[in-house]
Full PDB file with SEQRES, HELIX, SHEET, SSBOND, CRYST1, ORIGX, SCALE, CONECT and MASTER records, all heavy atoms in Angstrom:
SEQRES   1 A   37  LYS GLN ALA LYS ASN ARG ASN ASP SER ARG ILE ARG TYR          
SEQRES   2 A   37  LEU GLN ALA MET VAL ARG THR ALA LYS VAL ILE THR ILE          
SEQRES   3 A   37  ASP SER ASP ASN ASP ALA ILE GLY LEU PHE ASP                  
HELIX    1 AA1 GLN A    2  THR A   20  1                                  19    
CRYST1    1.000    1.000    1.000  90.00  90.00  90.00 P 1           1          
ORIGX1      1.000000  0.000000  0.000000        0.00000                         
ORIGX2      0.000000  1.000000  0.000000        0.00000                         
ORIGX3      0.000000  0.000000  1.000000        0.00000                         
SCALE1      1.000000  0.000000  0.000000        0.00000                         
SCALE2      0.000000  1.000000  0.000000        0.00000                         
SCALE3      0.000000  0.000000  1.000000        0.00000                         
ATOM      1  N   LYS A   1     -35.477  29.321 -31.506  1.00  0.00           N  
ATOM      2  CA  LYS A   1     -35.192  29.971 -30.302  1.00  0.00           C  
ATOM      3  C   LYS A   1     -35.216  29.103 -29.081  1.00  0.00           C  
ATOM      4  O   LYS A   1     -34.382  29.077 -28.132  1.00  0.00           O  
ATOM      5  CB  LYS A   1     -36.169  31.152 -30.175  1.00  0.00           C  
ATOM      6  CG  LYS A   1     -35.775  32.141 -29.079  1.00  0.00           C  
ATOM      7  CD  LYS A   1     -34.731  33.139 -29.545  1.00  0.00           C  
ATOM      8  CE  LYS A   1     -34.661  34.277 -28.584  1.00  0.00           C  
ATOM      9  NZ  LYS A   1     -33.315  34.853 -28.557  1.00  0.00           N  
ATOM     10  N   GLN A   2     -36.305  28.244 -29.044  1.00  0.00           N  
ATOM     11  CA  GLN A   2     -36.319  27.254 -27.862  1.00  0.00           C  
ATOM     12  C   GLN A   2     -35.192  26.300 -27.899  1.00  0.00           C  
ATOM     13  O   GLN A   2     -34.693  25.980 -26.843  1.00  0.00           O  
ATOM     14  CB  GLN A   2     -37.624  26.455 -28.038  1.00  0.00           C  
ATOM     15  CG  GLN A   2     -38.919  27.202 -27.618  1.00  0.00           C  
ATOM     16  CD  GLN A   2     -40.171  26.350 -27.812  1.00  0.00           C  
ATOM     17  OE1 GLN A   2     -40.175  25.279 -28.515  1.00  0.00           O  
ATOM     18  NE2 GLN A   2     -41.238  26.643 -27.027  1.00  0.00           N  
ATOM     19  N   ALA A   3     -34.783  25.818 -29.053  1.00  0.00           N  
ATOM     20  CA  ALA A   3     -33.611  24.820 -29.113  1.00  0.00           C  
ATOM     21  C   ALA A   3     -32.306  25.612 -28.642  1.00  0.00           C  
ATOM     22  O   ALA A   3     -31.543  24.970 -27.877  1.00  0.00           O  
ATOM     23  CB  ALA A   3     -33.457  24.330 -30.615  1.00  0.00           C  
ATOM     24  N   LYS A   4     -32.156  26.844 -29.050  1.00  0.00           N  
ATOM     25  CA  LYS A   4     -31.044  27.611 -28.558  1.00  0.00           C  
ATOM     26  C   LYS A   4     -31.079  27.813 -27.103  1.00  0.00           C  
ATOM     27  O   LYS A   4     -30.066  27.618 -26.367  1.00  0.00           O  
ATOM     28  CB  LYS A   4     -30.921  28.993 -29.285  1.00  0.00           C  
ATOM     29  CG  LYS A   4     -29.733  29.766 -28.860  1.00  0.00           C  
ATOM     30  CD  LYS A   4     -29.916  31.185 -29.411  1.00  0.00           C  
ATOM     31  CE  LYS A   4     -28.966  32.136 -28.744  1.00  0.00           C  
ATOM     32  NZ  LYS A   4     -29.045  32.283 -27.320  1.00  0.00           N  
ATOM     33  N   ASN A   5     -32.254  28.195 -26.587  1.00  0.00           N  
ATOM     34  CA  ASN A   5     -32.370  28.345 -25.125  1.00  0.00           C  
ATOM     35  C   ASN A   5     -32.108  27.086 -24.305  1.00  0.00           C  
ATOM     36  O   ASN A   5     -31.566  27.128 -23.209  1.00  0.00           O  
ATOM     37  CB  ASN A   5     -33.710  29.004 -24.756  1.00  0.00           C  
ATOM     38  CG  ASN A   5     -33.867  30.491 -25.267  1.00  0.00           C  
ATOM     39  OD1 ASN A   5     -32.870  31.030 -25.518  1.00  0.00           O  
ATOM     40  ND2 ASN A   5     -35.118  30.887 -25.373  1.00  0.00           N  
ATOM     41  N   ARG A   6     -32.611  25.936 -24.759  1.00  0.00           N  
ATOM     42  CA  ARG A   6     -32.365  24.656 -24.109  1.00  0.00           C  
ATOM     43  C   ARG A   6     -30.938  24.344 -24.089  1.00  0.00           C  
ATOM     44  O   ARG A   6     -30.344  23.973 -23.063  1.00  0.00           O  
ATOM     45  CB  ARG A   6     -33.132  23.482 -24.750  1.00  0.00           C  
ATOM     46  CG  ARG A   6     -34.583  23.436 -24.340  1.00  0.00           C  
ATOM     47  CD  ARG A   6     -35.225  22.052 -24.818  1.00  0.00           C  
ATOM     48  NE  ARG A   6     -35.130  21.879 -26.232  1.00  0.00           N  
ATOM     49  CZ  ARG A   6     -36.013  22.278 -27.079  1.00  0.00           C  
ATOM     50  NH1 ARG A   6     -37.041  22.937 -26.665  1.00  0.00           N  
ATOM     51  NH2 ARG A   6     -35.828  22.031 -28.347  1.00  0.00           N  
ATOM     52  N   ASN A   7     -30.214  24.637 -25.179  1.00  0.00           N  
ATOM     53  CA  ASN A   7     -28.762  24.406 -25.233  1.00  0.00           C  
ATOM     54  C   ASN A   7     -28.027  25.318 -24.232  1.00  0.00           C  
ATOM     55  O   ASN A   7     -27.148  24.821 -23.523  1.00  0.00           O  
ATOM     56  CB  ASN A   7     -28.257  24.640 -26.710  1.00  0.00           C  
ATOM     57  CG  ASN A   7     -26.752  24.190 -26.758  1.00  0.00           C  
ATOM     58  OD1 ASN A   7     -26.412  23.082 -26.464  1.00  0.00           O  
ATOM     59  ND2 ASN A   7     -25.946  25.261 -27.156  1.00  0.00           N  
ATOM     60  N   ASP A   8     -28.399  26.635 -24.221  1.00  0.00           N  
ATOM     61  CA  ASP A   8     -27.794  27.510 -23.300  1.00  0.00           C  
ATOM     62  C   ASP A   8     -27.969  27.101 -21.836  1.00  0.00           C  
ATOM     63  O   ASP A   8     -27.134  27.294 -20.983  1.00  0.00           O  
ATOM     64  CB  ASP A   8     -28.268  28.986 -23.523  1.00  0.00           C  
ATOM     65  CG  ASP A   8     -27.780  29.505 -24.841  1.00  0.00           C  
ATOM     66  OD1 ASP A   8     -26.793  28.997 -25.447  1.00  0.00           O  
ATOM     67  OD2 ASP A   8     -28.365  30.545 -25.297  1.00  0.00           O  
ATOM     68  N   SER A   9     -29.198  26.580 -21.541  1.00  0.00           N  
ATOM     69  CA  SER A   9     -29.490  26.184 -20.191  1.00  0.00           C  
ATOM     70  C   SER A   9     -28.678  24.986 -19.798  1.00  0.00           C  
ATOM     71  O   SER A   9     -28.152  24.876 -18.673  1.00  0.00           O  
ATOM     72  CB  SER A   9     -31.027  25.818 -20.084  1.00  0.00           C  
ATOM     73  OG  SER A   9     -31.347  25.253 -18.887  1.00  0.00           O  
ATOM     74  N   ARG A  10     -28.509  24.042 -20.660  1.00  0.00           N  
ATOM     75  CA  ARG A  10     -27.668  22.821 -20.525  1.00  0.00           C  
ATOM     76  C   ARG A  10     -26.297  23.218 -20.287  1.00  0.00           C  
ATOM     77  O   ARG A  10     -25.556  22.684 -19.437  1.00  0.00           O  
ATOM     78  CB  ARG A  10     -27.865  21.854 -21.631  1.00  0.00           C  
ATOM     79  CG  ARG A  10     -27.063  20.590 -21.455  1.00  0.00           C  
ATOM     80  CD  ARG A  10     -27.592  19.747 -20.382  1.00  0.00           C  
ATOM     81  NE  ARG A  10     -26.769  18.464 -20.344  1.00  0.00           N  
ATOM     82  CZ  ARG A  10     -26.964  17.483 -19.513  1.00  0.00           C  
ATOM     83  NH1 ARG A  10     -27.782  17.610 -18.543  1.00  0.00           N  
ATOM     84  NH2 ARG A  10     -26.271  16.379 -19.573  1.00  0.00           N  
ATOM     85  N   ILE A  11     -25.819  24.215 -21.077  1.00  0.00           N  
ATOM     86  CA  ILE A  11     -24.399  24.768 -20.883  1.00  0.00           C  
ATOM     87  C   ILE A  11     -24.170  25.233 -19.501  1.00  0.00           C  
ATOM     88  O   ILE A  11     -23.243  24.930 -18.747  1.00  0.00           O  
ATOM     89  CB  ILE A  11     -24.042  25.824 -21.966  1.00  0.00           C  
ATOM     90  CG1 ILE A  11     -23.883  25.159 -23.328  1.00  0.00           C  
ATOM     91  CG2 ILE A  11     -22.777  26.507 -21.586  1.00  0.00           C  
ATOM     92  CD1 ILE A  11     -23.766  26.053 -24.510  1.00  0.00           C  
ATOM     93  N   ARG A  12     -25.146  26.080 -19.006  1.00  0.00           N  
ATOM     94  CA  ARG A  12     -25.036  26.636 -17.605  1.00  0.00           C  
ATOM     95  C   ARG A  12     -25.076  25.506 -16.652  1.00  0.00           C  
ATOM     96  O   ARG A  12     -24.273  25.510 -15.678  1.00  0.00           O  
ATOM     97  CB  ARG A  12     -26.204  27.698 -17.417  1.00  0.00           C  
ATOM     98  CG  ARG A  12     -26.008  28.959 -18.160  1.00  0.00           C  
ATOM     99  CD  ARG A  12     -27.060  30.043 -17.695  1.00  0.00           C  
ATOM    100  NE  ARG A  12     -28.417  29.569 -17.883  1.00  0.00           N  
ATOM    101  CZ  ARG A  12     -29.119  29.722 -19.029  1.00  0.00           C  
ATOM    102  NH1 ARG A  12     -28.514  30.235 -20.131  1.00  0.00           N  
ATOM    103  NH2 ARG A  12     -30.389  29.352 -19.109  1.00  0.00           N  
ATOM    104  N   TYR A  13     -25.954  24.552 -16.754  1.00  0.00           N  
ATOM    105  CA  TYR A  13     -26.100  23.454 -15.807  1.00  0.00           C  
ATOM    106  C   TYR A  13     -24.752  22.669 -15.816  1.00  0.00           C  
ATOM    107  O   TYR A  13     -24.174  22.439 -14.681  1.00  0.00           O  
ATOM    108  CB  TYR A  13     -27.133  22.533 -16.262  1.00  0.00           C  
ATOM    109  CG  TYR A  13     -27.194  21.261 -15.517  1.00  0.00           C  
ATOM    110  CD1 TYR A  13     -27.635  21.062 -14.263  1.00  0.00           C  
ATOM    111  CD2 TYR A  13     -26.699  20.048 -16.167  1.00  0.00           C  
ATOM    112  CE1 TYR A  13     -27.736  19.905 -13.548  1.00  0.00           C  
ATOM    113  CE2 TYR A  13     -26.758  18.825 -15.521  1.00  0.00           C  
ATOM    114  CZ  TYR A  13     -27.164  18.756 -14.206  1.00  0.00           C  
ATOM    115  OH  TYR A  13     -27.240  17.503 -13.623  1.00  0.00           O  
ATOM    116  N   LEU A  14     -24.103  22.333 -16.949  1.00  0.00           N  
ATOM    117  CA  LEU A  14     -22.905  21.645 -16.965  1.00  0.00           C  
ATOM    118  C   LEU A  14     -21.732  22.423 -16.382  1.00  0.00           C  
ATOM    119  O   LEU A  14     -20.924  21.898 -15.601  1.00  0.00           O  
ATOM    120  CB  LEU A  14     -22.625  21.167 -18.422  1.00  0.00           C  
ATOM    121  CG  LEU A  14     -23.500  20.117 -18.983  1.00  0.00           C  
ATOM    122  CD1 LEU A  14     -23.202  20.018 -20.495  1.00  0.00           C  
ATOM    123  CD2 LEU A  14     -23.274  18.785 -18.298  1.00  0.00           C  
ATOM    124  N   GLN A  15     -21.698  23.674 -16.645  1.00  0.00           N  
ATOM    125  CA  GLN A  15     -20.618  24.571 -16.087  1.00  0.00           C  
ATOM    126  C   GLN A  15     -20.733  24.564 -14.524  1.00  0.00           C  
ATOM    127  O   GLN A  15     -19.665  24.462 -13.921  1.00  0.00           O  
ATOM    128  CB  GLN A  15     -20.737  25.984 -16.660  1.00  0.00           C  
ATOM    129  CG  GLN A  15     -20.290  26.045 -18.077  1.00  0.00           C  
ATOM    130  CD  GLN A  15     -20.586  27.377 -18.702  1.00  0.00           C  
ATOM    131  OE1 GLN A  15     -21.574  28.142 -18.288  1.00  0.00           O  
ATOM    132  NE2 GLN A  15     -19.795  27.775 -19.767  1.00  0.00           N  
ATOM    133  N   ALA A  16     -21.916  24.696 -14.042  1.00  0.00           N  
ATOM    134  CA  ALA A  16     -22.096  24.705 -12.563  1.00  0.00           C  
ATOM    135  C   ALA A  16     -21.757  23.295 -11.960  1.00  0.00           C  
ATOM    136  O   ALA A  16     -21.065  23.353 -10.972  1.00  0.00           O  
ATOM    137  CB  ALA A  16     -23.615  25.028 -12.210  1.00  0.00           C  
ATOM    138  N   MET A  17     -22.048  22.218 -12.643  1.00  0.00           N  
ATOM    139  CA  MET A  17     -21.715  20.856 -12.164  1.00  0.00           C  
ATOM    140  C   MET A  17     -20.223  20.726 -12.136  1.00  0.00           C  
ATOM    141  O   MET A  17     -19.633  20.207 -11.243  1.00  0.00           O  
ATOM    142  CB  MET A  17     -22.398  19.846 -13.033  1.00  0.00           C  
ATOM    143  CG  MET A  17     -23.847  19.680 -12.883  1.00  0.00           C  
ATOM    144  SD  MET A  17     -24.393  19.074 -11.257  1.00  0.00           S  
ATOM    145  CE  MET A  17     -23.998  17.362 -11.491  1.00  0.00           C  
ATOM    146  N   VAL A  18     -19.558  21.106 -13.251  1.00  0.00           N  
ATOM    147  CA  VAL A  18     -18.032  20.979 -13.262  1.00  0.00           C  
ATOM    148  C   VAL A  18     -17.399  21.827 -12.221  1.00  0.00           C  
ATOM    149  O   VAL A  18     -16.468  21.445 -11.556  1.00  0.00           O  
ATOM    150  CB  VAL A  18     -17.591  21.398 -14.741  1.00  0.00           C  
ATOM    151  CG1 VAL A  18     -16.110  21.465 -14.738  1.00  0.00           C  
ATOM    152  CG2 VAL A  18     -17.971  20.266 -15.802  1.00  0.00           C  
ATOM    153  N   ARG A  19     -17.909  23.072 -12.058  1.00  0.00           N  
ATOM    154  CA  ARG A  19     -17.356  23.991 -11.104  1.00  0.00           C  
ATOM    155  C   ARG A  19     -17.463  23.478  -9.697  1.00  0.00           C  
ATOM    156  O   ARG A  19     -16.603  23.671  -8.899  1.00  0.00           O  
ATOM    157  CB  ARG A  19     -18.019  25.376 -11.289  1.00  0.00           C  
ATOM    158  CG  ARG A  19     -17.383  26.459 -10.504  1.00  0.00           C  
ATOM    159  CD  ARG A  19     -17.961  27.815 -10.731  1.00  0.00           C  
ATOM    160  NE  ARG A  19     -19.410  27.844 -10.646  1.00  0.00           N  
ATOM    161  CZ  ARG A  19     -20.253  27.963 -11.646  1.00  0.00           C  
ATOM    162  NH1 ARG A  19     -19.786  28.061 -12.873  1.00  0.00           N  
ATOM    163  NH2 ARG A  19     -21.572  28.030 -11.514  1.00  0.00           N  
ATOM    164  N   THR A  20     -18.582  22.879  -9.361  1.00  0.00           N  
ATOM    165  CA  THR A  20     -18.775  22.424  -7.947  1.00  0.00           C  
ATOM    166  C   THR A  20     -18.577  20.996  -7.683  1.00  0.00           C  
ATOM    167  O   THR A  20     -18.809  20.504  -6.600  1.00  0.00           O  
ATOM    168  CB  THR A  20     -20.275  22.803  -7.549  1.00  0.00           C  
ATOM    169  OG1 THR A  20     -21.155  22.011  -8.341  1.00  0.00           O  
ATOM    170  CG2 THR A  20     -20.533  24.287  -7.673  1.00  0.00           C  
ATOM    171  N   ALA A  21     -18.125  20.237  -8.625  1.00  0.00           N  
ATOM    172  CA  ALA A  21     -17.955  18.771  -8.475  1.00  0.00           C  
ATOM    173  C   ALA A  21     -16.926  18.449  -7.465  1.00  0.00           C  
ATOM    174  O   ALA A  21     -15.861  19.087  -7.356  1.00  0.00           O  
ATOM    175  CB  ALA A  21     -17.603  18.171  -9.791  1.00  0.00           C  
ATOM    176  N   LYS A  22     -17.107  17.416  -6.721  1.00  0.00           N  
ATOM    177  CA  LYS A  22     -16.208  16.803  -5.713  1.00  0.00           C  
ATOM    178  C   LYS A  22     -15.877  15.409  -6.409  1.00  0.00           C  
ATOM    179  O   LYS A  22     -16.806  14.570  -6.482  1.00  0.00           O  
ATOM    180  CB  LYS A  22     -16.815  16.652  -4.338  1.00  0.00           C  
ATOM    181  CG  LYS A  22     -15.864  15.976  -3.420  1.00  0.00           C  
ATOM    182  CD  LYS A  22     -16.443  15.798  -2.078  1.00  0.00           C  
ATOM    183  CE  LYS A  22     -15.464  14.960  -1.230  1.00  0.00           C  
ATOM    184  NZ  LYS A  22     -16.139  14.373  -0.092  1.00  0.00           N  
ATOM    185  N   VAL A  23     -14.647  15.204  -6.811  1.00  0.00           N  
ATOM    186  CA  VAL A  23     -14.250  13.995  -7.422  1.00  0.00           C  
ATOM    187  C   VAL A  23     -14.051  12.911  -6.375  1.00  0.00           C  
ATOM    188  O   VAL A  23     -13.265  13.203  -5.411  1.00  0.00           O  
ATOM    189  CB  VAL A  23     -12.967  14.142  -8.350  1.00  0.00           C  
ATOM    190  CG1 VAL A  23     -12.575  12.846  -8.863  1.00  0.00           C  
ATOM    191  CG2 VAL A  23     -13.290  15.170  -9.426  1.00  0.00           C  
ATOM    192  N   ILE A  24     -14.685  11.727  -6.588  1.00  0.00           N  
ATOM    193  CA  ILE A  24     -14.589  10.685  -5.571  1.00  0.00           C  
ATOM    194  C   ILE A  24     -13.857   9.530  -6.239  1.00  0.00           C  
ATOM    195  O   ILE A  24     -13.859   9.340  -7.448  1.00  0.00           O  
ATOM    196  CB  ILE A  24     -15.973  10.263  -5.040  1.00  0.00           C  
ATOM    197  CG1 ILE A  24     -16.908   9.843  -6.235  1.00  0.00           C  
ATOM    198  CG2 ILE A  24     -16.546  11.340  -4.178  1.00  0.00           C  
ATOM    199  CD1 ILE A  24     -18.134   9.180  -5.717  1.00  0.00           C  
ATOM    200  N   THR A  25     -13.223   8.718  -5.393  1.00  0.00           N  
ATOM    201  CA  THR A  25     -12.610   7.499  -5.957  1.00  0.00           C  
ATOM    202  C   THR A  25     -13.523   6.277  -5.512  1.00  0.00           C  
ATOM    203  O   THR A  25     -14.280   6.334  -4.625  1.00  0.00           O  
ATOM    204  CB  THR A  25     -11.204   7.323  -5.315  1.00  0.00           C  
ATOM    205  OG1 THR A  25     -11.340   7.360  -3.857  1.00  0.00           O  
ATOM    206  CG2 THR A  25     -10.259   8.453  -5.743  1.00  0.00           C  
ATOM    207  N   ILE A  26     -13.294   5.278  -6.247  1.00  0.00           N  
ATOM    208  CA  ILE A  26     -14.066   4.116  -6.099  1.00  0.00           C  
ATOM    209  C   ILE A  26     -13.227   3.021  -5.408  1.00  0.00           C  
ATOM    210  O   ILE A  26     -12.306   2.455  -5.974  1.00  0.00           O  
ATOM    211  CB  ILE A  26     -14.739   3.570  -7.457  1.00  0.00           C  
ATOM    212  CG1 ILE A  26     -15.466   4.647  -8.177  1.00  0.00           C  
ATOM    213  CG2 ILE A  26     -15.536   2.279  -7.199  1.00  0.00           C  
ATOM    214  CD1 ILE A  26     -15.507   4.421  -9.542  1.00  0.00           C  
ATOM    215  N   ASP A  27     -13.539   2.747  -4.169  1.00  0.00           N  
ATOM    216  CA  ASP A  27     -12.971   1.670  -3.506  1.00  0.00           C  
ATOM    217  C   ASP A  27     -13.937   0.964  -2.551  1.00  0.00           C  
ATOM    218  O   ASP A  27     -14.618   1.636  -1.847  1.00  0.00           O  
ATOM    219  CB  ASP A  27     -11.691   2.094  -2.805  1.00  0.00           C  
ATOM    220  CG  ASP A  27     -12.008   3.224  -1.807  1.00  0.00           C  
ATOM    221  OD1 ASP A  27     -12.957   3.965  -2.024  1.00  0.00           O  
ATOM    222  OD2 ASP A  27     -11.208   3.344  -0.797  1.00  0.00           O  
ATOM    223  N   SER A  28     -14.006  -0.384  -2.652  1.00  0.00           N  
ATOM    224  CA  SER A  28     -14.919  -1.058  -1.749  1.00  0.00           C  
ATOM    225  C   SER A  28     -14.229  -2.384  -1.407  1.00  0.00           C  
ATOM    226  O   SER A  28     -13.403  -2.901  -2.188  1.00  0.00           O  
ATOM    227  CB  SER A  28     -16.284  -1.222  -2.418  1.00  0.00           C  
ATOM    228  OG  SER A  28     -16.142  -2.158  -3.529  1.00  0.00           O  
ATOM    229  N   ASP A  29     -14.729  -2.940  -0.308  1.00  0.00           N  
ATOM    230  CA  ASP A  29     -14.235  -4.367   0.061  1.00  0.00           C  
ATOM    231  C   ASP A  29     -14.699  -5.302  -0.982  1.00  0.00           C  
ATOM    232  O   ASP A  29     -15.788  -5.095  -1.577  1.00  0.00           O  
ATOM    233  CB  ASP A  29     -14.920  -4.556   1.425  1.00  0.00           C  
ATOM    234  CG  ASP A  29     -14.564  -5.962   1.903  1.00  0.00           C  
ATOM    235  OD1 ASP A  29     -13.665  -6.577   1.428  1.00  0.00           O  
ATOM    236  OD2 ASP A  29     -15.113  -6.297   2.960  1.00  0.00           O  
ATOM    237  N   ASN A  30     -13.918  -6.309  -1.198  1.00  0.00           N  
ATOM    238  CA  ASN A  30     -14.259  -7.313  -2.310  1.00  0.00           C  
ATOM    239  C   ASN A  30     -15.528  -8.071  -2.040  1.00  0.00           C  
ATOM    240  O   ASN A  30     -16.198  -8.467  -2.977  1.00  0.00           O  
ATOM    241  CB  ASN A  30     -13.164  -8.322  -2.419  1.00  0.00           C  
ATOM    242  CG  ASN A  30     -11.895  -7.696  -3.284  1.00  0.00           C  
ATOM    243  OD1 ASN A  30     -12.077  -6.727  -3.923  1.00  0.00           O  
ATOM    244  ND2 ASN A  30     -10.813  -8.340  -3.048  1.00  0.00           N  
ATOM    245  N   ASP A  31     -15.959  -8.155  -0.834  1.00  0.00           N  
ATOM    246  CA  ASP A  31     -17.179  -8.850  -0.443  1.00  0.00           C  
ATOM    247  C   ASP A  31     -18.384  -7.930  -0.291  1.00  0.00           C  
ATOM    248  O   ASP A  31     -19.492  -8.430  -0.184  1.00  0.00           O  
ATOM    249  CB  ASP A  31     -16.971  -9.626   0.928  1.00  0.00           C  
ATOM    250  CG  ASP A  31     -15.901 -10.726   0.769  1.00  0.00           C  
ATOM    251  OD1 ASP A  31     -15.696 -11.167  -0.379  1.00  0.00           O  
ATOM    252  OD2 ASP A  31     -15.352 -11.111   1.751  1.00  0.00           O  
ATOM    253  N   ALA A  32     -18.173  -6.675  -0.262  1.00  0.00           N  
ATOM    254  CA  ALA A  32     -19.212  -5.703  -0.015  1.00  0.00           C  
ATOM    255  C   ALA A  32     -19.659  -5.006  -1.309  1.00  0.00           C  
ATOM    256  O   ALA A  32     -18.867  -4.821  -2.201  1.00  0.00           O  
ATOM    257  CB  ALA A  32     -18.784  -4.711   1.024  1.00  0.00           C  
ATOM    258  N   ILE A  33     -20.924  -4.531  -1.261  1.00  0.00           N  
ATOM    259  CA  ILE A  33     -21.450  -3.694  -2.475  1.00  0.00           C  
ATOM    260  C   ILE A  33     -20.733  -2.341  -2.496  1.00  0.00           C  
ATOM    261  O   ILE A  33     -20.716  -1.595  -1.402  1.00  0.00           O  
ATOM    262  CB  ILE A  33     -22.969  -3.562  -2.340  1.00  0.00           C  
ATOM    263  CG1 ILE A  33     -23.542  -4.965  -2.342  1.00  0.00           C  
ATOM    264  CG2 ILE A  33     -23.545  -2.686  -3.446  1.00  0.00           C  
ATOM    265  CD1 ILE A  33     -25.076  -4.911  -1.992  1.00  0.00           C  
ATOM    266  N   GLY A  34     -20.226  -2.007  -3.636  1.00  0.00           N  
ATOM    267  CA  GLY A  34     -19.708  -0.693  -3.784  1.00  0.00           C  
ATOM    268  C   GLY A  34     -20.257  -0.007  -5.085  1.00  0.00           C  
ATOM    269  O   GLY A  34     -21.101  -0.549  -5.744  1.00  0.00           O  
ATOM    270  N   LEU A  35     -19.743   1.140  -5.372  1.00  0.00           N  
ATOM    271  CA  LEU A  35     -20.121   1.907  -6.547  1.00  0.00           C  
ATOM    272  C   LEU A  35     -19.814   1.176  -7.789  1.00  0.00           C  
ATOM    273  O   LEU A  35     -18.702   0.610  -7.915  1.00  0.00           O  
ATOM    274  CB  LEU A  35     -19.480   3.267  -6.475  1.00  0.00           C  
ATOM    275  CG  LEU A  35     -20.001   4.361  -7.322  1.00  0.00           C  
ATOM    276  CD1 LEU A  35     -21.521   4.611  -7.138  1.00  0.00           C  
ATOM    277  CD2 LEU A  35     -19.177   5.677  -7.215  1.00  0.00           C  
ATOM    278  N   PHE A  36     -20.754   1.118  -8.735  1.00  0.00           N  
ATOM    279  CA  PHE A  36     -20.677   0.441 -10.047  1.00  0.00           C  
ATOM    280  C   PHE A  36     -20.804  -1.042  -9.878  1.00  0.00           C  
ATOM    281  O   PHE A  36     -20.661  -1.800 -10.988  1.00  0.00           O  
ATOM    282  CB  PHE A  36     -19.468   0.939 -10.861  1.00  0.00           C  
ATOM    283  CG  PHE A  36     -19.465   2.394 -11.091  1.00  0.00           C  
ATOM    284  CD1 PHE A  36     -18.704   3.238 -10.488  1.00  0.00           C  
ATOM    285  CD2 PHE A  36     -20.382   2.840 -12.065  1.00  0.00           C  
ATOM    286  CE1 PHE A  36     -18.716   4.565 -10.666  1.00  0.00           C  
ATOM    287  CE2 PHE A  36     -20.490   4.183 -12.345  1.00  0.00           C  
ATOM    288  CZ  PHE A  36     -19.627   5.061 -11.661  1.00  0.00           C  
ATOM    289  N   ASP A  37     -21.084  -1.593  -8.767  1.00  0.00           N  
ATOM    290  CA  ASP A  37     -21.245  -3.056  -8.626  1.00  0.00           C  
ATOM    291  C   ASP A  37     -22.779  -3.431  -9.159  1.00  0.00           C  
ATOM    292  O   ASP A  37     -23.661  -2.589  -8.950  1.00  0.00           O  
ATOM    293  CB  ASP A  37     -21.133  -3.485  -7.229  1.00  0.00           C  
ATOM    294  CG  ASP A  37     -19.618  -3.506  -6.794  1.00  0.00           C  
ATOM    295  OD1 ASP A  37     -18.793  -3.281  -7.709  1.00  0.00           O  
ATOM    296  OD2 ASP A  37     -19.393  -3.619  -5.534  1.00  0.00           O  
TER     297      ASP A  37                                                      
MASTER        0    0    0    1    0    0    0    6  296    1    0    3          
END                                                                             
């Protein structure tokens, strides 16, 4: 029951994240620190 509830909780979390996500693009100056550097 705990494993099922943890899975259901994670599903709700992921659904909320997908629903409210703002997709960003990665662009930075070649000399400056950017995302994933």
